[in-house]
Amino acid sequence: MSIILVLNKGTIHLSFINELFMKKCFVVLALILAIAGNAQKDQWIKQPSIGFSFFLKDFTSLTSRSVENMPIGMGAIYANGLTPHFDFFGGIYGSNLDYPFTNQKPLGSKNFLLEGDAQLHYKILTDKHIVVPYLSTGVGLSFYAEDNFGFYYPLGGGLQFKVSSNVFVLADVSHHFSVSNNTSNNFQYGLTVIAGIKHKKPEVKVVPPPPPPVEKDTDGDGIVDSKDKCPTVKGIAKYEGCPIPDTDGDGINDEEDKCITVAGTARYQGCPIPDSDNDGINDEDDKCPNVPGLARYQGCPIPDTDGDGINDEEDKCPSEKGTVANHGCPEMIDFHFEAKNVQFFTGSTKLTPQAKAELDKGAAILIEHKTLDINIEGYTDNTGSKDKNLKLSQERADVVKAYLVSKGVAAERLTATGFGQDSPIAENKTEKGRAENRRVEFKVKK
């Protein structure tokens, strides 16, 4: 489709307004109108602004024709924000040059080129930022000497620099795509300054006069705040608007608390649970409230099951009466066991028949009383060398242990130790004394 334009010098066929260009123009204009129609008030929408532009024309980058220098031009700009990210720009531009036509020869002399376009700028960021990259597109009309009208559409981008809240500097480059036979593709490098022509009037908020002062009673206890020492907590006049105090914080107010400074329970009228025997365990948890005891025995003292005066925790034989010296266990003598009857043949580790008979009694006692663990201690007189005596005493103690084990006593209940000639119980100067020192002692283990 084409449109024929009749001018004073003849008829010009504007074949450049074809269906494709019409569709492109319609899409761009429709986009601008749609955004403008949906624009909302926002502090980052650019206010109406005017400005001027300096630019360079570059025809040499895209055509075979060239000019010595890129022509300089100037323009007038109008801008208005549509949304925080879309701005409308309209401009009229003028420059003096020898236009390099695409499909006809240049006129050969410099003439005035007048261009006007409408563009839509899409900003990646809003005007809140100092530097904002953007893309631009739109539609444009040009007029050159001898009635050369043409259409183009610019496509480009650049950077917007914020100088103040309503002053901006734009540096951009755009490609002017030719849409008619009497225009040429070219680049345009521009520097634009715009400033707002409107200033937003700050909203004036009318502050109503303060209401007359009213005596408040915040906690609703009938005492106004100015006279209430606890204005947010209900209280009584007796305490100047505060509740009845609870000095010890036990939940029982001082008027009903018999122990105001010590936390207690309601059951004892604000006093703590008593501890009659002062053992640190209150009477409610103490099974022996009148006798000091321990927590692990629920307030009772450590028991003494066999009643021998040695408590069960220290008594190695808690179910049999014993002595303190024997750790609560009965002495072997108490079982009619005579350790002095445990003798050996002279200079040997062989037990005498009397010794074996006595050890049989000892084994029976140990088997019956399972809690008795025994230390078997061997001693000698001072006859012979000290080392020999120590060895002999150990061998004799081992023999006694082995005999008792053979009679059924568990070996782990017995410990055999030789002490040689140490710890005599009588003088070694007489035969009687030496005989007493050659002995085996039986002691309950600790």
Protein backbone atom coordinates (compact mmCIF):
# COMPACT_ATOMS: atom_id res chain seq x y z
CA MET A 1 0.00 0.00 0.00
CA SER A 2 1.33 3.54 -0.71
CA ILE A 3 0.16 7.13 -0.15
CA ILE A 4 0.65 9.90 -2.75
CA LEU A 5 1.50 13.37 -1.37
CA VAL A 6 0.90 16.36 -3.72
CA LEU A 7 3.32 19.30 -3.21
CA ASN A 8 3.93 22.57 -5.09
CA LYS A 9 6.73 21.06 -7.18
CA GLY A 10 5.03 17.88 -8.13
CA THR A 11 3.84 14.53 -6.90
CA ILE A 12 5.94 12.46 -4.44
CA HIS A 13 5.15 8.80 -3.82
CA LEU A 14 5.71 8.05 -0.11
CA SER A 15 6.13 4.34 -0.60
CA PHE A 16 7.90 4.22 2.78
CA ILE A 17 4.55 4.27 4.60
CA ASN A 18 3.88 0.63 3.95
CA GLU A 19 1.96 -1.85 6.01
CA LEU A 20 5.03 -2.97 7.98
CA PHE A 21 5.95 0.56 9.10
CA MET A 22 2.34 1.33 9.95
CA LYS A 23 2.21 -1.74 12.14
CA LYS A 24 5.46 -0.77 13.91
CA CYS A 25 4.28 2.77 14.52
CA PHE A 26 0.94 1.52 15.81
CA VAL A 27 2.67 -0.87 18.26
CA VAL A 28 4.98 1.88 19.62
CA LEU A 29 2.17 4.45 19.96
CA ALA A 30 -0.16 1.88 21.51
CA LEU A 31 2.56 0.98 24.05
CA ILE A 32 3.08 4.66 24.98
CA LEU A 33 -0.68 5.23 25.37
CA ALA A 34 -1.15 2.05 27.41
CA ILE A 35 1.62 2.98 29.83
CA ALA A 36 0.39 6.57 30.11
CA GLY A 37 -3.15 5.35 30.76
CA ASN A 38 -2.01 3.06 33.56
CA ALA A 39 0.43 5.53 35.14
CA GLN A 40 -0.03 5.99 38.86
CA LYS A 41 1.23 8.63 41.22
CA ASP A 42 4.67 7.70 42.48
CA GLN A 43 7.46 9.82 43.93
CA TRP A 44 9.90 8.31 41.38
CA ILE A 45 7.83 9.23 38.29
CA LYS A 46 9.64 12.00 36.42
CA GLN A 47 7.78 15.33 36.46
CA PRO A 48 7.20 17.27 33.20
CA SER A 49 10.57 18.63 32.07
CA ILE A 50 12.14 20.64 29.23
CA GLY A 51 15.71 20.84 28.05
CA PHE A 52 18.14 20.98 25.16
CA SER A 53 20.35 18.53 23.36
CA PHE A 54 23.68 18.54 21.51
CA PHE A 55 24.32 15.72 19.08
CA LEU A 56 26.55 14.42 16.30
CA LYS A 57 25.30 12.76 13.10
CA ASP A 58 27.22 9.75 11.83
CA PHE A 59 26.44 8.49 8.30
CA THR A 60 29.84 6.93 7.63
CA SER A 61 29.48 3.83 9.80
CA LEU A 62 26.63 2.28 7.77
CA THR A 63 26.94 3.57 4.19
CA SER A 64 29.63 3.72 1.53
CA ARG A 65 29.25 7.49 1.30
CA SER A 66 31.18 9.60 3.75
CA VAL A 67 31.60 13.17 4.87
CA GLU A 68 34.74 14.67 6.26
CA ASN A 69 33.33 15.40 9.69
CA MET A 70 30.25 14.38 11.66
CA PRO A 71 27.81 17.34 11.60
CA ILE A 72 26.83 18.97 14.90
CA GLY A 73 23.21 19.68 15.76
CA MET A 74 21.02 20.99 18.55
CA GLY A 75 17.54 20.22 19.73
CA ALA A 76 14.74 21.12 22.13
CA ILE A 77 13.40 18.37 24.41
CA TYR A 78 10.19 17.73 26.34
CA ALA A 79 10.06 14.81 28.81
CA ASN A 80 7.41 13.42 31.13
CA GLY A 81 7.35 10.33 33.33
CA LEU A 82 4.69 7.71 32.66
CA THR A 83 5.64 5.17 35.34
CA PRO A 84 8.70 4.80 37.59
CA HIS A 85 10.40 2.86 34.76
CA PHE A 86 8.95 4.45 31.58
CA ASP A 87 9.45 8.07 30.41
CA PHE A 88 8.09 9.84 27.31
CA PHE A 89 10.55 12.00 25.36
CA GLY A 90 9.63 14.31 22.47
CA GLY A 91 12.22 16.38 20.59
CA ILE A 92 12.83 18.72 17.64
CA TYR A 93 16.38 18.64 16.22
CA GLY A 94 18.21 20.81 13.68
CA SER A 95 21.57 20.45 11.93
CA ASN A 96 23.30 21.84 8.81
CA LEU A 97 24.76 19.21 6.47
CA ASP A 98 24.96 17.77 2.97
CA TYR A 99 22.53 14.88 3.40
CA PRO A 100 23.88 11.60 1.94
CA PHE A 101 20.71 10.11 0.40
CA THR A 102 20.54 6.37 -0.04
CA ASN A 103 18.71 6.28 -3.40
CA GLN A 104 19.61 9.64 -4.90
CA LYS A 105 22.60 11.87 -5.27
CA PRO A 106 23.45 14.40 -2.55
CA LEU A 107 22.48 17.98 -3.33
CA GLY A 108 26.13 19.02 -3.13
CA SER A 109 25.74 21.76 -0.58
CA LYS A 110 24.88 22.02 3.07
CA ASN A 111 21.22 22.55 3.90
CA PHE A 112 19.18 22.54 7.11
CA LEU A 113 17.92 19.14 8.31
CA LEU A 114 14.89 19.33 10.62
CA GLU A 115 13.86 16.19 12.55
CA GLY A 116 11.25 15.47 15.19
CA ASP A 117 10.51 12.28 17.07
CA ALA A 118 8.54 10.77 19.95
CA GLN A 119 10.37 8.17 22.05
CA LEU A 120 9.71 5.83 24.95
CA HIS A 121 12.58 5.30 27.43
CA TYR A 122 12.63 2.15 29.49
CA LYS A 123 14.78 2.64 32.63
CA ILE A 124 16.27 -0.44 34.28
CA LEU A 125 16.30 1.46 37.60
CA THR A 126 14.09 4.28 38.89
CA ASP A 127 15.01 7.96 39.26
CA LYS A 128 15.91 7.21 42.87
CA HIS A 129 19.37 6.18 41.65
CA ILE A 130 22.24 8.46 40.58
CA VAL A 131 23.09 6.49 37.40
CA VAL A 132 20.33 4.72 35.47
CA PRO A 133 20.83 2.70 32.26
CA TYR A 134 17.94 2.86 29.78
CA LEU A 135 16.76 1.67 26.34
CA SER A 136 14.81 3.83 23.90
CA THR A 137 12.65 3.48 20.78
CA GLY A 138 10.01 5.53 18.98
CA VAL A 139 9.00 7.10 15.63
CA GLY A 140 10.43 10.14 13.82
CA LEU A 141 9.84 12.54 10.88
CA SER A 142 12.56 14.42 8.96
CA PHE A 143 12.52 17.30 6.45
CA TYR A 144 15.40 18.36 4.21
CA ALA A 145 15.78 20.89 1.42
CA GLU A 146 13.64 20.64 -1.75
CA ASP A 147 10.70 19.04 0.03
CA ASN A 148 12.47 15.85 1.07
CA PHE A 149 10.21 14.40 3.74
CA GLY A 150 11.11 11.10 5.36
CA PHE A 151 10.23 8.76 8.21
CA TYR A 152 12.53 6.81 10.50
CA TYR A 153 12.40 5.05 13.80
CA PRO A 154 15.15 5.46 16.39
CA LEU A 155 16.42 2.56 18.50
CA GLY A 156 19.12 3.01 21.13
CA GLY A 157 20.10 3.39 24.75
CA GLY A 158 22.24 5.31 27.20
CA LEU A 159 22.87 6.42 30.74
CA GLN A 160 20.86 8.91 32.80
CA PHE A 161 22.75 10.90 35.47
CA LYS A 162 20.81 12.48 38.33
CA VAL A 163 22.06 16.01 39.17
CA SER A 164 19.24 16.88 41.57
CA SER A 165 15.67 15.77 42.22
CA ASN A 166 14.45 17.37 38.96
CA VAL A 167 17.60 17.89 36.84
CA PHE A 168 19.04 15.07 34.71
CA VAL A 169 21.81 14.66 32.12
CA LEU A 170 21.42 11.91 29.47
CA ALA A 171 24.22 10.52 27.34
CA ASP A 172 23.01 8.19 24.61
CA VAL A 173 23.46 6.74 21.17
CA SER A 174 20.63 5.78 18.83
CA HIS A 175 20.38 4.21 15.42
CA HIS A 176 17.91 5.96 13.06
CA PHE A 177 16.53 3.24 10.84
CA SER A 178 15.39 4.57 7.47
CA VAL A 179 11.81 3.79 6.49
CA SER A 180 11.58 5.85 3.25
CA ASN A 181 13.58 6.09 0.02
CA ASN A 182 14.76 9.65 0.65
CA THR A 183 16.28 8.99 4.13
CA SER A 184 19.45 7.20 5.17
CA ASN A 185 20.38 5.06 8.17
CA ASN A 186 22.58 6.91 10.62
CA PHE A 187 23.84 7.01 14.17
CA GLN A 188 23.14 9.96 16.44
CA TYR A 189 25.33 10.56 19.55
CA GLY A 190 23.62 12.91 21.97
CA LEU A 191 24.08 14.74 25.26
CA THR A 192 20.83 16.05 26.75
CA VAL A 193 20.05 18.19 29.81
CA ILE A 194 16.50 18.39 31.16
CA ALA A 195 14.96 20.17 34.16
CA GLY A 196 11.52 19.91 35.73
CA ILE A 197 9.02 22.70 35.07
CA LYS A 198 6.75 21.80 37.99
CA HIS A 199 7.47 21.52 41.66
CA LYS A 200 5.41 19.29 43.87
CA LYS A 201 3.73 21.20 46.60
CA PRO A 202 4.20 19.50 49.92
CA GLU A 203 1.02 18.36 51.52
CA VAL A 204 0.02 20.54 54.42
CA LYS A 205 -1.45 18.51 57.19
CA VAL A 206 -3.92 20.32 59.35
CA VAL A 207 -3.36 19.34 62.93
CA PRO A 208 -6.53 19.73 65.00
CA PRO A 209 -6.13 21.49 68.32
CA PRO A 210 -5.51 19.13 71.22
CA PRO A 211 -8.59 18.16 73.20
CA PRO A 212 -8.98 19.67 76.62
CA PRO A 213 -7.19 17.68 79.31
CA VAL A 214 -9.29 14.96 80.91
CA GLU A 215 -8.44 13.24 84.14
CA LYS A 216 -7.68 9.66 83.08
CA ASP A 217 -7.97 6.49 85.08
CA THR A 218 -5.97 4.04 82.95
CA ASP A 219 -6.38 1.00 85.17
CA GLY A 220 -10.02 1.72 86.05
CA ASP A 221 -9.50 1.39 89.78
CA GLY A 222 -11.37 4.64 90.58
CA ILE A 223 -8.16 6.60 91.25
CA VAL A 224 -7.16 9.10 88.53
CA ASP A 225 -3.68 8.74 87.07
CA SER A 226 -2.42 12.01 88.56
CA LYS A 227 -3.03 10.59 92.04
CA ASP A 228 -2.32 6.94 91.22
CA LYS A 229 1.21 5.67 91.98
CA CYS A 230 0.47 2.57 89.91
CA PRO A 231 -1.61 4.01 87.03
CA THR A 232 -1.51 0.84 84.88
CA VAL A 233 -2.28 -1.67 87.67
CA LYS A 234 -5.49 -1.78 89.64
CA GLY A 235 -5.00 -0.96 93.29
CA ILE A 236 -6.71 0.50 96.31
CA ALA A 237 -6.73 3.95 97.88
CA LYS A 238 -4.98 2.64 101.02
CA TYR A 239 -1.86 2.06 98.93
CA GLU A 240 -2.32 5.17 96.73
CA GLY A 241 -3.68 3.25 93.77
CA CYS A 242 -1.25 0.33 93.99
CA PRO A 243 -2.26 -3.26 94.84
CA ILE A 244 -1.59 -4.70 98.28
CA PRO A 245 2.17 -5.41 98.30
CA ASP A 246 3.74 -8.87 98.33
CA THR A 247 7.19 -8.14 99.75
CA ASP A 248 8.57 -11.68 99.45
CA GLY A 249 6.91 -12.36 96.07
CA ASP A 250 5.29 -15.62 97.15
CA GLY A 251 1.85 -14.71 95.79
CA ILE A 252 0.41 -14.00 99.22
CA ASN A 253 -0.12 -10.31 99.94
CA ASP A 254 1.45 -8.81 103.03
CA GLU A 255 -1.91 -8.35 104.80
CA GLU A 256 -2.41 -12.15 104.78
CA ASP A 257 1.28 -13.20 105.03
CA LYS A 258 2.66 -14.16 108.45
CA CYS A 259 6.22 -14.24 107.03
CA ILE A 260 6.32 -11.05 104.96
CA THR A 261 10.02 -11.14 104.10
CA VAL A 262 10.34 -14.90 103.45
CA ALA A 263 8.62 -16.68 100.56
CA GLY A 264 6.20 -19.32 101.72
CA THR A 265 2.96 -21.11 100.85
CA ALA A 266 -0.70 -20.45 101.48
CA ARG A 267 -0.92 -23.65 103.53
CA TYR A 268 1.45 -22.14 106.11
CA GLN A 269 -0.07 -18.62 105.81
CA GLY A 270 2.78 -17.27 103.73
CA CYS A 271 5.57 -18.94 105.70
CA PRO A 272 7.87 -21.62 104.25
CA ILE A 273 7.28 -25.31 104.97
CA PRO A 274 8.88 -25.95 108.39
CA ASP A 275 12.00 -28.10 108.96
CA SER A 276 11.62 -29.22 112.57
CA ASP A 277 14.94 -31.12 112.78
CA ASN A 278 16.90 -28.51 110.77
CA ASP A 279 18.36 -31.12 108.41
CA GLY A 280 17.53 -29.08 105.26
CA ILE A 281 14.55 -31.30 104.34
CA ASN A 282 11.15 -29.78 104.98
CA ASP A 283 8.71 -31.67 107.13
CA GLU A 284 6.41 -32.51 104.20
CA ASP A 285 9.24 -34.47 102.50
CA ASP A 286 10.92 -35.70 105.72
CA LYS A 287 10.00 -39.20 106.92
CA CYS A 288 11.84 -38.49 110.15
CA PRO A 289 10.84 -34.85 110.78
CA ASN A 290 12.17 -34.79 114.37
CA VAL A 291 15.55 -36.48 113.71
CA PRO A 292 18.19 -34.95 111.44
CA GLY A 293 18.82 -37.09 108.40
CA LEU A 294 19.85 -37.14 104.75
CA ALA A 295 17.90 -36.52 101.55
CA ARG A 296 18.83 -39.96 100.14
CA TYR A 297 17.09 -41.52 103.15
CA GLN A 298 14.11 -39.12 102.85
CA GLY A 299 15.18 -37.08 105.85
CA CYS A 300 16.05 -40.04 108.09
CA PRO A 301 19.56 -40.80 109.41
CA ILE A 302 21.72 -43.47 107.80
CA PRO A 303 20.33 -46.80 109.09
CA ASP A 304 22.24 -49.25 111.29
CA THR A 305 20.57 -52.54 110.42
CA ASP A 306 22.52 -54.77 112.81
CA GLY A 307 22.50 -52.19 115.64
CA ASP A 308 26.25 -52.34 116.23
CA GLY A 309 26.64 -48.56 116.26
CA ILE A 310 28.17 -48.49 112.78
CA ASN A 311 25.84 -47.17 110.07
CA ASP A 312 25.18 -49.31 107.01
CA GLU A 313 27.22 -47.07 104.69
CA GLU A 314 30.38 -47.71 106.74
CA ASP A 315 29.53 -51.26 107.89
CA LYS A 316 31.16 -54.02 105.84
CA CYS A 317 28.79 -56.49 107.52
CA PRO A 318 25.54 -54.48 107.84
CA SER A 319 23.49 -57.47 108.88
CA GLU A 320 25.97 -58.75 111.53
CA LYS A 321 27.13 -56.95 114.59
CA GLY A 322 30.81 -56.14 114.54
CA THR A 323 33.40 -53.74 115.83
CA VAL A 324 34.65 -50.38 114.65
CA ALA A 325 38.16 -51.81 114.38
CA ASN A 326 36.88 -54.56 112.10
CA HIS A 327 34.74 -52.15 109.98
CA GLY A 328 31.46 -53.34 111.40
CA CYS A 329 32.21 -57.02 110.97
CA PRO A 330 32.71 -59.46 113.83
CA GLU A 331 36.28 -60.37 114.71
CA MET A 332 37.39 -63.85 113.70
CA ILE A 333 37.80 -64.57 117.35
CA ASP A 334 34.13 -63.95 117.77
CA PHE A 335 33.60 -67.02 115.63
CA HIS A 336 35.89 -69.02 118.00
CA PHE A 337 38.69 -68.94 115.42
CA GLU A 338 42.16 -68.94 116.95
CA ALA A 339 44.67 -67.55 114.46
CA LYS A 340 47.56 -68.41 116.81
CA ASN A 341 46.85 -72.09 116.21
CA VAL A 342 47.81 -71.69 112.54
CA GLN A 343 51.43 -72.91 112.79
CA PHE A 344 54.04 -74.34 110.40
CA PHE A 345 56.74 -76.90 110.82
CA THR A 346 60.01 -75.21 111.71
CA GLY A 347 61.75 -73.51 108.76
CA SER A 348 59.12 -74.71 106.25
CA THR A 349 55.79 -73.73 104.64
CA LYS A 350 54.08 -76.97 105.62
CA LEU A 351 51.02 -76.59 107.82
CA THR A 352 50.79 -78.57 111.08
CA PRO A 353 47.73 -80.79 111.60
CA GLN A 354 46.53 -78.37 114.31
CA ALA A 355 46.82 -75.50 111.77
CA LYS A 356 44.75 -77.36 109.21
CA ALA A 357 42.04 -78.09 111.79
CA GLU A 358 41.87 -74.39 112.70
CA LEU A 359 41.77 -73.34 109.01
CA ASP A 360 38.90 -75.77 108.42
CA LYS A 361 36.95 -73.84 111.04
CA GLY A 362 37.94 -70.56 109.34
CA ALA A 363 36.80 -71.81 105.91
CA ALA A 364 33.41 -72.81 107.33
CA ILE A 365 33.03 -69.34 108.87
CA LEU A 366 33.91 -67.57 105.58
CA ILE A 367 31.56 -69.77 103.53
CA GLU A 368 28.69 -69.00 105.91
CA HIS A 369 29.41 -65.25 106.04
CA LYS A 370 29.66 -64.19 102.43
CA THR A 371 30.32 -60.52 103.25
CA LEU A 372 33.63 -61.22 104.96
CA ASP A 373 36.66 -60.56 102.74
CA ILE A 374 39.96 -61.37 104.49
CA ASN A 375 43.54 -60.12 104.35
CA ILE A 376 45.94 -62.97 105.29
CA GLU A 377 49.12 -61.46 106.75
CA GLY A 378 52.25 -63.59 107.35
CA TYR A 379 55.01 -62.67 109.86
CA THR A 380 58.32 -64.26 111.10
CA ASP A 381 60.75 -63.72 113.93
CA ASN A 382 64.15 -62.13 113.31
CA THR A 383 66.06 -65.36 112.99
CA GLY A 384 67.93 -65.42 109.69
CA SER A 385 68.26 -62.72 107.04
CA LYS A 386 65.56 -60.12 106.51
CA ASP A 387 65.07 -60.99 102.81
CA LYS A 388 64.75 -64.69 103.59
CA ASN A 389 62.21 -63.99 106.31
CA LEU A 390 60.16 -61.75 103.95
CA LYS A 391 60.06 -64.48 101.32
CA LEU A 392 59.17 -67.13 103.89
CA SER A 393 56.32 -65.01 105.31
CA GLN A 394 54.86 -64.50 101.83
CA GLU A 395 55.06 -68.23 101.04
CA ARG A 396 53.32 -69.11 104.30
CA ALA A 397 50.53 -66.54 103.63
CA ASP A 398 50.08 -68.00 100.13
CA VAL A 399 49.85 -71.52 101.57
CA VAL A 400 47.08 -70.44 103.97
CA LYS A 401 45.18 -68.77 101.11
CA ALA A 402 45.53 -71.85 98.91
CA TYR A 403 44.25 -74.08 101.72
CA LEU A 404 41.16 -71.94 102.28
CA VAL A 405 40.46 -71.85 98.51
CA SER A 406 40.71 -75.64 98.45
CA LYS A 407 37.96 -75.71 101.09
CA GLY A 408 35.54 -73.68 98.94
CA VAL A 409 36.33 -70.04 99.76
CA ALA A 410 36.38 -67.80 96.62
CA ALA A 411 39.95 -66.70 95.88
CA GLU A 412 38.89 -63.11 95.14
CA ARG A 413 37.76 -62.76 98.76
CA LEU A 414 41.29 -63.45 100.01
CA THR A 415 44.51 -61.44 99.83
CA ALA A 416 47.83 -62.95 100.98
CA THR A 417 50.70 -60.64 101.99
CA GLY A 418 54.02 -61.42 103.70
CA PHE A 419 55.58 -58.83 106.01
CA GLY A 420 58.69 -60.81 107.15
CA GLN A 421 60.13 -59.86 110.52
CA ASP A 422 58.44 -56.44 110.55
CA SER A 423 55.81 -55.54 113.17
CA PRO A 424 56.74 -58.01 115.93
CA ILE A 425 54.23 -58.42 118.77
CA ALA A 426 56.78 -59.76 121.29
CA GLU A 427 60.50 -59.63 122.09
CA ASN A 428 62.69 -61.69 119.74
CA LYS A 429 65.27 -62.21 122.53
CA THR A 430 63.41 -65.20 124.01
CA GLU A 431 62.15 -68.37 122.43
CA LYS A 432 58.62 -67.59 123.62
CA GLY A 433 58.71 -64.13 122.06
CA ARG A 434 60.05 -65.49 118.77
CA ALA A 435 57.29 -68.10 118.71
CA GLU A 436 54.65 -65.41 119.13
CA ASN A 437 56.16 -63.39 116.27
CA ARG A 438 55.98 -66.42 113.91
CA ARG A 439 52.29 -65.91 113.17
CA VAL A 440 49.52 -65.52 110.61
CA GLU A 441 46.90 -62.77 111.15
CA PHE A 442 43.41 -62.58 109.61
CA LYS A 443 41.91 -59.11 109.07
CA VAL A 444 38.63 -58.06 107.43
CA LYS A 445 39.30 -55.99 104.32
CA LYS A 446 38.27 -52.33 104.36
